[in-house]
N, C-alpha and C. Protein backbone atom coordinates (compact mmCIF):
# COMPACT_ATOMS: atom_id res chain seq x y z
N ILE A 1 7.55 -18.47 1.89
CA ILE A 1 6.72 -17.05 2.03
C ILE A 1 7.01 -16.57 1.09
N VAL A 2 6.18 -15.66 -0.02
CA VAL A 2 5.86 -14.88 -0.75
C VAL A 2 6.26 -13.35 -0.40
N SER A 3 6.59 -12.79 -0.76
CA SER A 3 6.89 -11.14 -0.58
C SER A 3 6.08 -10.26 -2.30
N ALA A 4 5.12 -9.81 -1.84
CA ALA A 4 4.31 -9.30 -3.10
C ALA A 4 3.80 -7.70 -2.95
N LEU A 5 4.64 -7.13 -4.00
CA LEU A 5 4.01 -5.53 -3.84
C LEU A 5 3.07 -4.80 -5.10
N PHE A 6 2.15 -4.12 -4.84
CA PHE A 6 1.26 -4.15 -5.71
C PHE A 6 1.06 -3.13 -6.13
N HIS A 7 2.41 -2.95 -7.58
CA HIS A 7 2.08 -1.61 -8.47
C HIS A 7 1.02 -1.49 -9.01
N TRP A 8 -0.14 -1.24 -8.38
CA TRP A 8 -1.50 -0.55 -8.85
C TRP A 8 -1.56 0.05 -10.51
N ARG A 9 -2.02 -0.11 -11.49
CA ARG A 9 -2.16 0.75 -12.22
C ARG A 9 -3.62 1.28 -12.22
N ALA A 10 -3.71 2.68 -12.19
CA ALA A 10 -5.03 3.50 -11.94
C ALA A 10 -5.70 2.54 -12.92
N PRO A 11 -7.14 2.27 -11.99
CA PRO A 11 -8.23 1.86 -13.09
C PRO A 11 -8.83 2.65 -14.16
N SER A 12 -8.13 3.68 -14.09
CA SER A 12 -8.68 4.56 -15.30
C SER A 12 -7.76 6.15 -15.59
N GLY A 13 -8.31 6.68 -16.59
CA GLY A 13 -7.82 7.75 -16.23
C GLY A 13 -6.69 7.92 -16.98
N ASN A 14 -6.14 7.17 -17.57
CA ASN A 14 -4.39 6.64 -18.01
C ASN A 14 -3.94 7.52 -19.03
N SER A 15 -2.62 8.03 -19.61
CA SER A 15 -2.23 8.45 -20.63
C SER A 15 -1.42 7.01 -20.89
N GLY A 16 -1.38 6.78 -22.31
CA GLY A 16 -0.96 5.67 -22.43
C GLY A 16 -1.58 4.54 -22.70
N ALA A 17 -1.01 3.52 -23.40
CA ALA A 17 -2.22 2.68 -23.36
C ALA A 17 -1.51 0.91 -21.93
N ASN A 18 -1.09 1.57 -21.49
CA ASN A 18 -0.59 0.11 -20.43
C ASN A 18 -0.57 0.74 -19.02
N GLY A 19 -1.62 2.27 -18.87
CA GLY A 19 -2.07 2.64 -17.61
C GLY A 19 -0.62 3.46 -17.01
N SER A 20 -0.81 3.20 -15.88
CA SER A 20 0.03 4.30 -15.14
C SER A 20 0.30 4.30 -13.75
N PHE A 21 0.56 4.03 -12.69
CA PHE A 21 0.57 3.58 -11.28
C PHE A 21 1.25 5.13 -10.94
N TYR A 22 1.80 6.07 -11.39
CA TYR A 22 2.04 7.55 -11.60
C TYR A 22 1.35 8.23 -11.60
N THR A 23 0.94 9.19 -10.56
CA THR A 23 0.22 10.47 -10.84
C THR A 23 0.07 11.32 -11.67
N LYS A 24 1.08 11.31 -12.30
CA LYS A 24 1.39 12.63 -13.35
C LYS A 24 0.67 11.73 -14.63
N ASP A 25 0.62 10.38 -14.37
CA ASP A 25 -0.19 10.23 -15.77
C ASP A 25 -0.89 9.25 -15.96
N THR A 26 -1.96 9.96 -14.98
CA THR A 26 -3.23 9.54 -14.93
C THR A 26 -4.00 10.96 -14.47
N THR A 27 -5.47 10.82 -14.48
CA THR A 27 -6.60 11.60 -13.91
C THR A 27 -7.37 10.94 -13.07
N PHE A 28 -7.00 9.56 -12.34
CA PHE A 28 -7.92 8.89 -11.57
C PHE A 28 -7.71 9.55 -10.74
N ASP A 29 -9.10 9.77 -10.11
CA ASP A 29 -9.26 11.12 -8.69
C ASP A 29 -9.85 9.78 -7.37
N VAL A 30 -8.74 9.40 -6.68
CA VAL A 30 -9.32 7.91 -5.73
C VAL A 30 -9.81 8.01 -4.83
N ALA A 31 -10.16 9.61 -4.34
CA ALA A 31 -10.94 10.42 -3.44
C ALA A 31 -12.31 10.61 -4.07
N ALA A 32 -12.32 11.15 -4.91
CA ALA A 32 -13.48 11.24 -5.81
C ALA A 32 -14.32 9.63 -6.03
N ALA A 33 -13.92 8.66 -6.75
CA ALA A 33 -14.04 7.52 -6.67
C ALA A 33 -14.73 6.92 -5.16
N LEU A 34 -14.10 6.91 -3.94
CA LEU A 34 -14.59 6.84 -2.52
C LEU A 34 -15.97 7.12 -2.04
N ALA A 35 -15.42 8.33 -2.75
CA ALA A 35 -16.78 9.62 -1.58
C ALA A 35 -18.23 9.31 -3.07
N ASP A 36 -18.14 8.09 -3.78
CA ASP A 36 -19.33 7.50 -4.78
C ASP A 36 -19.54 5.97 -4.83
N PRO A 37 -19.62 5.44 -4.19
CA PRO A 37 -19.90 3.80 -3.98
C PRO A 37 -20.74 3.57 -5.35
N ASN A 38 -21.29 4.37 -6.16
CA ASN A 38 -22.23 4.00 -6.96
C ASN A 38 -21.37 4.62 -8.33
N SER A 39 -20.16 4.92 -8.17
CA SER A 39 -19.69 5.40 -9.40
C SER A 39 -18.85 4.29 -10.09
N ALA A 40 -18.84 4.73 -11.56
CA ALA A 40 -17.70 3.93 -12.82
C ALA A 40 -16.70 3.59 -12.20
N GLU A 41 -15.74 4.70 -11.25
CA GLU A 41 -14.33 4.74 -10.66
C GLU A 41 -14.44 4.03 -9.38
N TYR A 42 -15.07 3.73 -8.80
CA TYR A 42 -15.90 2.70 -7.60
C TYR A 42 -15.76 1.36 -8.11
N ALA A 43 -16.83 1.44 -8.73
CA ALA A 43 -16.96 -0.34 -9.44
C ALA A 43 -15.14 -0.49 -9.75
N GLU A 44 -14.56 0.42 -10.83
CA GLU A 44 -13.33 -0.08 -11.29
C GLU A 44 -12.10 -0.35 -10.17
N LEU A 45 -12.28 -0.01 -8.86
CA LEU A 45 -11.45 -0.16 -7.95
C LEU A 45 -11.98 -1.46 -7.35
N ILE A 46 -13.24 -1.54 -7.24
CA ILE A 46 -13.58 -2.91 -6.69
C ILE A 46 -12.99 -4.21 -7.76
N THR A 47 -13.24 -3.69 -9.02
CA THR A 47 -12.84 -4.79 -9.72
C THR A 47 -11.54 -5.46 -9.61
N ASP A 48 -10.88 -4.32 -9.84
CA ASP A 48 -9.23 -4.35 -9.83
C ASP A 48 -8.65 -5.05 -8.41
N ILE A 49 -9.12 -4.97 -7.46
CA ILE A 49 -9.16 -5.53 -6.10
C ILE A 49 -9.52 -7.10 -6.20
N ASP A 50 -10.98 -7.34 -6.72
CA ASP A 50 -10.92 -8.90 -6.50
C ASP A 50 -10.32 -9.72 -7.96
N ILE A 51 -9.85 -8.59 -8.72
CA ILE A 51 -9.15 -9.60 -9.86
C ILE A 51 -7.60 -10.31 -9.00
N VAL A 52 -7.10 -8.94 -8.24
CA VAL A 52 -5.43 -9.60 -7.58
C VAL A 52 -5.95 -10.62 -6.42
N ALA A 53 -7.31 -10.31 -5.79
CA ALA A 53 -8.06 -11.43 -4.51
C ALA A 53 -8.01 -12.90 -5.34
N ASN A 54 -8.71 -12.78 -6.24
CA ASN A 54 -8.15 -13.88 -7.01
C ASN A 54 -6.99 -14.52 -7.34
N GLN A 55 -6.26 -14.03 -7.78
CA GLN A 55 -4.33 -14.38 -8.10
C GLN A 55 -4.02 -14.98 -6.62
N LEU A 56 -4.41 -14.16 -5.53
CA LEU A 56 -3.68 -14.12 -4.06
C LEU A 56 -4.49 -15.65 -3.46
N LYS A 57 -5.57 -15.62 -3.99
CA LYS A 57 -6.70 -16.67 -3.60
C LYS A 57 -5.36 -18.02 -4.05
N LYS A 58 -4.87 -18.26 -5.23
CA LYS A 58 -4.18 -19.37 -5.18
C LYS A 58 -3.27 -19.67 -4.58
N LEU A 59 -2.78 -18.96 -4.35
CA LEU A 59 -1.54 -19.09 -2.78
C LEU A 59 -1.90 -19.46 -1.89
N ALA A 60 -3.13 -18.53 -1.07
CA ALA A 60 -3.73 -19.04 0.00
C ALA A 60 -4.43 -20.93 -0.19
N ASP A 61 -4.93 -20.53 -1.13
CA ASP A 61 -5.08 -22.63 -1.46
C ASP A 61 -3.72 -23.75 -1.45
N ALA A 62 -2.92 -23.14 -1.73
CA ALA A 62 -1.74 -24.04 -1.49
C ALA A 62 -1.16 -23.73 -0.32
N GLY A 63 -1.44 -23.14 0.63
CA GLY A 63 -0.91 -22.95 1.95
C GLY A 63 0.06 -21.97 1.88
N ILE A 64 0.28 -21.15 0.98
CA ILE A 64 1.57 -20.04 1.07
C ILE A 64 1.39 -18.87 1.63
N PRO A 65 1.91 -18.06 2.56
CA PRO A 65 1.44 -16.82 3.06
C PRO A 65 2.27 -16.71 2.19
N VAL A 66 1.46 -14.66 2.33
CA VAL A 66 2.23 -13.83 1.68
C VAL A 66 2.48 -12.63 2.40
N LEU A 67 3.73 -11.76 1.89
CA LEU A 67 3.91 -10.82 2.80
C LEU A 67 3.34 -9.49 1.67
N TRP A 68 1.93 -8.79 1.82
CA TRP A 68 1.22 -8.18 0.94
C TRP A 68 1.61 -6.76 1.16
N ARG A 69 2.20 -6.12 -0.01
CA ARG A 69 2.67 -4.33 0.45
C ARG A 69 1.75 -3.58 -0.52
N PRO A 70 0.78 -3.60 -0.25
CA PRO A 70 0.10 -2.56 -1.54
C PRO A 70 0.10 -0.93 -1.19
N LEU A 71 0.00 -0.15 -1.92
CA LEU A 71 -0.42 1.04 -1.68
C LEU A 71 1.18 1.71 -1.01
N HIS A 72 2.20 1.02 -1.50
CA HIS A 72 3.30 1.86 -0.62
C HIS A 72 3.39 3.00 -1.24
N GLU A 73 4.75 3.88 -0.49
CA GLU A 73 5.25 5.09 -0.65
C GLU A 73 4.22 6.29 -1.13
N ALA A 74 2.96 5.85 -0.19
CA ALA A 74 2.22 6.63 -0.57
C ALA A 74 1.96 8.23 -0.45
N GLN A 75 2.37 8.40 0.44
CA GLN A 75 2.79 9.82 1.43
C GLN A 75 3.46 10.73 0.26
N GLY A 76 4.46 9.91 -0.46
CA GLY A 76 5.43 10.73 -1.55
C GLY A 76 4.83 11.39 -2.69
N GLY A 77 3.37 10.95 -2.81
CA GLY A 77 2.03 11.33 -3.79
C GLY A 77 2.39 11.24 -4.95
N TRP A 78 3.76 10.68 -5.37
CA TRP A 78 3.87 10.70 -6.84
C TRP A 78 3.17 8.71 -7.51
N PHE A 79 2.87 8.13 -6.06
CA PHE A 79 1.69 7.36 -6.71
C PHE A 79 0.38 7.87 -6.62
N TRP A 80 -1.03 7.12 -7.91
CA TRP A 80 -2.20 8.30 -8.08
C TRP A 80 -3.18 7.67 -6.39
N TRP A 81 -2.60 6.41 -5.53
CA TRP A 81 -3.12 6.21 -4.37
C TRP A 81 -2.65 6.94 -3.04
N GLY A 82 -1.62 8.03 -3.73
CA GLY A 82 -1.36 8.61 -2.44
C GLY A 82 -1.84 10.13 -2.73
N ALA A 83 -1.89 10.23 -3.88
CA ALA A 83 -2.04 11.85 -4.88
C ALA A 83 -3.16 12.69 -3.82
N GLN A 84 -4.42 11.95 -3.45
CA GLN A 84 -5.09 13.02 -2.84
C GLN A 84 -5.12 12.52 -1.19
N GLY A 85 -3.97 12.28 -0.94
CA GLY A 85 -3.93 12.81 0.62
C GLY A 85 -4.07 11.19 1.78
N SER A 86 -3.65 11.94 2.81
CA SER A 86 -3.80 10.38 3.96
C SER A 86 -5.49 9.76 4.03
N GLY A 87 -6.44 10.47 4.21
CA GLY A 87 -7.62 10.30 4.11
C GLY A 87 -8.13 9.21 3.18
N ALA A 88 -7.68 9.61 1.88
CA ALA A 88 -8.07 8.48 0.44
C ALA A 88 -7.22 7.18 0.70
N LEU A 89 -6.10 7.64 1.11
CA LEU A 89 -5.34 6.14 0.86
C LEU A 89 -5.58 5.21 2.21
N LYS A 90 -5.98 5.63 3.55
CA LYS A 90 -6.15 5.22 4.60
C LYS A 90 -7.74 4.38 4.17
N GLU A 91 -8.56 5.19 3.50
CA GLU A 91 -9.90 4.79 3.16
C GLU A 91 -9.98 3.60 1.99
N LEU A 92 -9.00 3.61 1.02
CA LEU A 92 -9.23 2.73 0.22
C LEU A 92 -8.12 1.54 0.48
N TRP A 93 -7.43 1.86 1.39
CA TRP A 93 -6.45 0.36 2.61
C TRP A 93 -7.28 -0.29 2.90
N MET A 94 -8.34 0.57 3.77
CA MET A 94 -9.10 -0.28 4.50
C MET A 94 -9.98 -1.23 3.38
N LEU A 95 -10.45 -0.52 2.37
CA LEU A 95 -11.64 -0.94 1.56
C LEU A 95 -11.12 -2.23 1.07
N MET A 96 -9.56 -2.13 0.66
CA MET A 96 -8.81 -3.43 -0.14
C MET A 96 -8.88 -4.16 1.15
N TYR A 97 -8.62 -4.05 2.32
CA TYR A 97 -8.51 -5.08 3.14
C TYR A 97 -9.75 -5.74 3.23
N ASP A 98 -10.49 -5.33 3.70
CA ASP A 98 -11.86 -5.44 4.00
C ASP A 98 -12.68 -6.75 2.74
N ARG A 99 -12.19 -5.88 1.77
CA ARG A 99 -12.68 -6.84 0.43
C ARG A 99 -11.98 -8.38 0.41
N MET A 100 -10.72 -8.24 0.73
CA MET A 100 -9.53 -9.18 0.30
C MET A 100 -9.85 -10.15 1.64
N THR A 101 -10.29 -9.75 3.34
CA THR A 101 -10.08 -10.60 4.33
C THR A 101 -11.49 -10.75 4.61
N ASN A 102 -12.85 -10.63 4.14
CA ASN A 102 -14.10 -10.40 4.30
C ASN A 102 -14.66 -11.46 3.45
N VAL A 103 -14.58 -10.56 2.23
CA VAL A 103 -15.36 -10.74 1.04
C VAL A 103 -14.32 -12.14 0.64
N HIS A 104 -13.37 -11.95 0.52
CA HIS A 104 -12.69 -13.21 -0.24
C HIS A 104 -12.36 -14.27 0.32
N GLY A 105 -12.01 -13.85 2.11
CA GLY A 105 -11.83 -15.21 2.88
C GLY A 105 -10.01 -15.05 2.91
N LEU A 106 -9.27 -14.28 2.18
CA LEU A 106 -7.86 -14.35 2.34
C LEU A 106 -7.09 -14.17 3.73
N ASN A 107 -6.77 -15.18 4.40
CA ASN A 107 -6.36 -15.33 5.57
C ASN A 107 -4.66 -15.79 5.52
N ASN A 108 -4.09 -15.58 4.38
CA ASN A 108 -2.93 -15.97 3.78
C ASN A 108 -2.06 -14.44 4.11
N LEU A 109 -2.63 -13.34 4.09
CA LEU A 109 -2.03 -11.93 3.81
C LEU A 109 -1.17 -11.42 5.40
N ILE A 110 -0.12 -10.83 4.60
CA ILE A 110 0.71 -10.27 6.38
C ILE A 110 0.47 -9.17 5.56
N TRP A 111 -0.20 -8.04 6.11
CA TRP A 111 -0.41 -6.84 5.43
C TRP A 111 1.09 -6.12 5.60
N VAL A 112 1.88 -5.53 4.93
CA VAL A 112 2.67 -4.44 5.00
C VAL A 112 2.76 -2.90 4.63
N PHE A 113 2.78 -2.44 5.65
CA PHE A 113 2.31 -0.53 5.02
C PHE A 113 3.85 -0.32 4.90
N THR A 114 4.37 0.52 4.22
CA THR A 114 5.45 0.90 4.09
C THR A 114 5.11 2.61 3.72
N HIS A 115 5.67 3.63 4.89
CA HIS A 115 6.41 4.74 4.73
C HIS A 115 7.38 5.43 3.94
N THR A 116 7.39 6.34 3.65
CA THR A 116 8.42 7.57 2.85
C THR A 116 8.61 8.77 3.53
N SER A 117 9.52 9.26 2.92
CA SER A 117 9.76 10.50 3.60
C SER A 117 9.52 10.79 4.59
N ASP A 118 8.82 11.49 5.47
CA ASP A 118 8.99 12.02 7.09
C ASP A 118 8.46 10.77 7.80
N LEU A 119 8.10 10.04 7.57
CA LEU A 119 7.20 9.05 8.27
C LEU A 119 6.12 9.53 9.13
N SER A 120 5.16 10.43 8.34
CA SER A 120 3.79 10.67 8.86
C SER A 120 3.31 9.81 9.52
N ALA A 121 2.62 9.78 10.43
CA ALA A 121 1.40 8.69 11.42
C ALA A 121 0.33 8.77 10.61
N ASP A 122 -0.13 10.42 10.10
CA ASP A 122 -1.06 10.17 9.24
C ASP A 122 -1.81 9.32 8.09
N TRP A 123 -0.78 8.68 7.66
CA TRP A 123 -0.63 7.71 6.74
C TRP A 123 -1.17 6.83 7.19
N TYR A 124 -0.79 6.17 8.47
CA TYR A 124 -1.29 4.65 8.81
C TYR A 124 -2.43 4.28 8.67
N PRO A 125 -2.55 3.32 8.66
CA PRO A 125 -4.42 2.86 8.57
C PRO A 125 -4.60 2.00 9.68
N GLY A 126 -3.53 1.75 10.32
CA GLY A 126 -4.02 1.25 11.92
C GLY A 126 -3.63 0.36 12.15
N ASP A 127 -3.44 -0.27 13.23
CA ASP A 127 -2.93 -1.42 13.86
C ASP A 127 -3.94 -2.81 13.24
N ASN A 128 -5.08 -2.37 13.29
CA ASN A 128 -6.36 -3.72 12.95
C ASN A 128 -5.98 -4.20 11.46
N TYR A 129 -5.38 -3.12 11.06
CA TYR A 129 -4.95 -3.30 9.28
C TYR A 129 -3.72 -3.44 8.73
N VAL A 130 -2.78 -3.58 9.58
CA VAL A 130 -1.44 -3.67 9.12
C VAL A 130 -0.66 -4.30 10.21
N ASP A 131 -0.02 -5.35 9.61
CA ASP A 131 0.89 -6.56 10.69
C ASP A 131 2.67 -6.21 10.44
N ILE A 132 2.98 -5.11 9.64
CA ILE A 132 4.43 -5.28 9.72
C ILE A 132 4.59 -3.52 9.44
N VAL A 133 5.20 -2.82 9.51
CA VAL A 133 5.43 -1.26 9.13
C VAL A 133 6.77 -1.65 8.41
N GLY A 134 6.82 -0.61 7.61
CA GLY A 134 8.08 -0.06 6.79
C GLY A 134 8.42 0.80 6.14
N TYR A 135 9.75 0.86 5.74
CA TYR A 135 10.08 2.37 5.24
C TYR A 135 10.67 2.01 3.74
N ASP A 136 10.64 2.61 2.82
CA ASP A 136 10.94 2.66 1.88
C ASP A 136 12.21 3.88 1.55
N GLY A 137 13.42 3.84 1.83
CA GLY A 137 14.38 4.64 1.39
C GLY A 137 15.38 4.21 0.49
N TYR A 138 15.80 5.45 -0.30
CA TYR A 138 16.54 5.63 -1.36
C TYR A 138 18.07 6.73 -0.85
N ALA A 139 18.34 6.18 -0.15
CA ALA A 139 19.73 7.00 0.20
C ALA A 139 20.82 5.80 -0.13
N ASP A 140 21.87 6.21 -0.40
CA ASP A 140 23.18 5.91 -0.79
C ASP A 140 24.32 5.34 0.11
N PRO A 141 24.20 4.55 0.76
CA PRO A 141 25.19 4.30 1.95
C PRO A 141 26.57 3.88 1.57
N ALA A 142 26.67 3.38 0.09
CA ALA A 142 27.97 3.62 -0.36
C ALA A 142 28.63 4.69 -0.37
N ASN A 143 27.90 5.45 -0.29
CA ASN A 143 28.40 7.02 -0.99
C ASN A 143 28.58 8.03 0.41
N ASP A 144 27.86 7.81 1.34
CA ASP A 144 27.34 8.24 2.53
C ASP A 144 27.33 7.03 4.12
N ALA A 145 28.26 7.33 4.20
CA ALA A 145 28.13 6.15 5.77
C ALA A 145 27.46 6.82 6.64
N SER A 146 26.96 7.80 6.68
CA SER A 146 26.10 8.40 7.87
C SER A 146 24.69 7.63 7.56
N VAL A 147 24.36 7.31 6.32
CA VAL A 147 23.02 6.64 5.63
C VAL A 147 22.94 5.35 6.07
N SER A 148 22.04 4.85 7.63
CA SER A 148 21.84 3.74 7.91
C SER A 148 20.05 3.47 8.09
N PHE A 149 19.50 4.54 8.04
CA PHE A 149 18.19 4.40 8.06
C PHE A 149 17.99 3.81 9.41
N SER A 150 18.67 4.28 10.52
CA SER A 150 18.53 4.11 12.12
C SER A 150 17.88 5.20 12.63
N SER A 151 17.66 6.08 12.27
CA SER A 151 16.72 7.38 12.85
C SER A 151 15.31 6.46 12.24
N GLN A 152 14.99 6.34 11.00
CA GLN A 152 13.51 6.02 10.45
C GLN A 152 13.66 4.28 11.53
N TYR A 153 14.41 3.28 11.67
CA TYR A 153 13.90 2.44 12.59
C TYR A 153 13.60 2.97 13.76
N ALA A 154 14.14 3.80 14.29
CA ALA A 154 13.82 4.13 15.95
C ALA A 154 12.53 4.60 16.04
N THR A 155 12.44 5.28 15.07
CA THR A 155 10.77 6.50 14.88
C THR A 155 9.85 5.18 14.75
N LEU A 156 9.79 4.52 14.18
CA LEU A 156 8.92 3.36 13.97
C LEU A 156 8.89 2.27 15.44
N LYS A 157 9.80 2.14 15.28
CA LYS A 157 9.89 1.32 16.58
C LYS A 157 9.29 1.79 18.13
N SER A 158 9.33 3.13 18.05
CA SER A 158 9.05 3.94 19.36
C SER A 158 7.68 3.94 19.24
N ARG A 159 6.82 4.59 17.79
CA ARG A 159 5.77 4.76 17.70
C ARG A 159 5.44 3.65 17.67
N HIS A 160 5.69 1.98 17.50
CA HIS A 160 4.50 1.08 17.42
C HIS A 160 4.88 0.28 18.59
N ASP A 161 5.94 0.25 19.19
CA ASP A 161 6.08 0.19 20.77
C ASP A 161 6.27 -1.24 20.62
N GLY A 162 6.53 -2.62 19.71
CA GLY A 162 7.10 -3.77 20.33
C GLY A 162 5.76 -4.36 19.70
N LYS A 163 4.21 -3.78 19.14
CA LYS A 163 2.93 -4.12 18.54
C LYS A 163 3.40 -4.65 17.20
N LYS A 164 4.12 -4.05 16.67
CA LYS A 164 4.28 -4.15 15.13
C LYS A 164 5.98 -4.74 14.43
N LEU A 165 6.19 -5.64 13.40
CA LEU A 165 7.23 -6.06 13.29
C LEU A 165 7.59 -4.69 12.38
N ILE A 166 8.95 -4.47 12.56
CA ILE A 166 9.59 -2.89 11.74
C ILE A 166 10.64 -3.65 10.71
N ALA A 167 10.18 -3.10 9.64
CA ALA A 167 11.26 -3.33 8.18
C ALA A 167 11.72 -2.39 7.56
N LEU A 168 12.86 -2.78 6.86
CA LEU A 168 13.58 -1.91 5.48
C LEU A 168 12.80 -2.54 4.55
N THR A 169 11.99 -2.03 3.74
CA THR A 169 10.83 -2.71 2.92
C THR A 169 11.49 -2.14 1.43
N GLU A 170 12.29 -1.37 1.48
CA GLU A 170 12.74 -1.46 -0.33
C GLU A 170 13.85 -0.26 0.09
N THR A 171 14.91 -0.20 -0.95
CA THR A 171 15.99 0.73 -0.67
C THR A 171 16.93 0.07 -2.12
């Protein structure tokens, strides 16, 4: 099984030649792009999703399952996909899910949604679009013995009531 994190560079509006996934380095507005399916920005989203789907198809064709973790840490707002709030993030997640699953026929993806910060349920795309729920936490247990991420685990376990696997996805 392969684990893939999609550090998606904004489709356009970037400062610097290589683009950026950080909100501070792009003017790309995901909410505006999603609001107008006839816009160039919406087309850029679709193009990027299709490019990645074609690469993931190689793994599907080889019978390799993928822990697929796109749009991570959106709640923090430091990545462009979370900069316009939970509604835009969920819409983008569902668009990507639909396109990869129904258009490209990818059935090897295990969809992993990752929380950060206060674990707000507002950002969760929904049980139909997520297989594993995780938490990305950056405390230092080596310097603080009280840091165990147990409260985050307990919150997610209680919220998803055994319907989703719970993971510490990044630390």
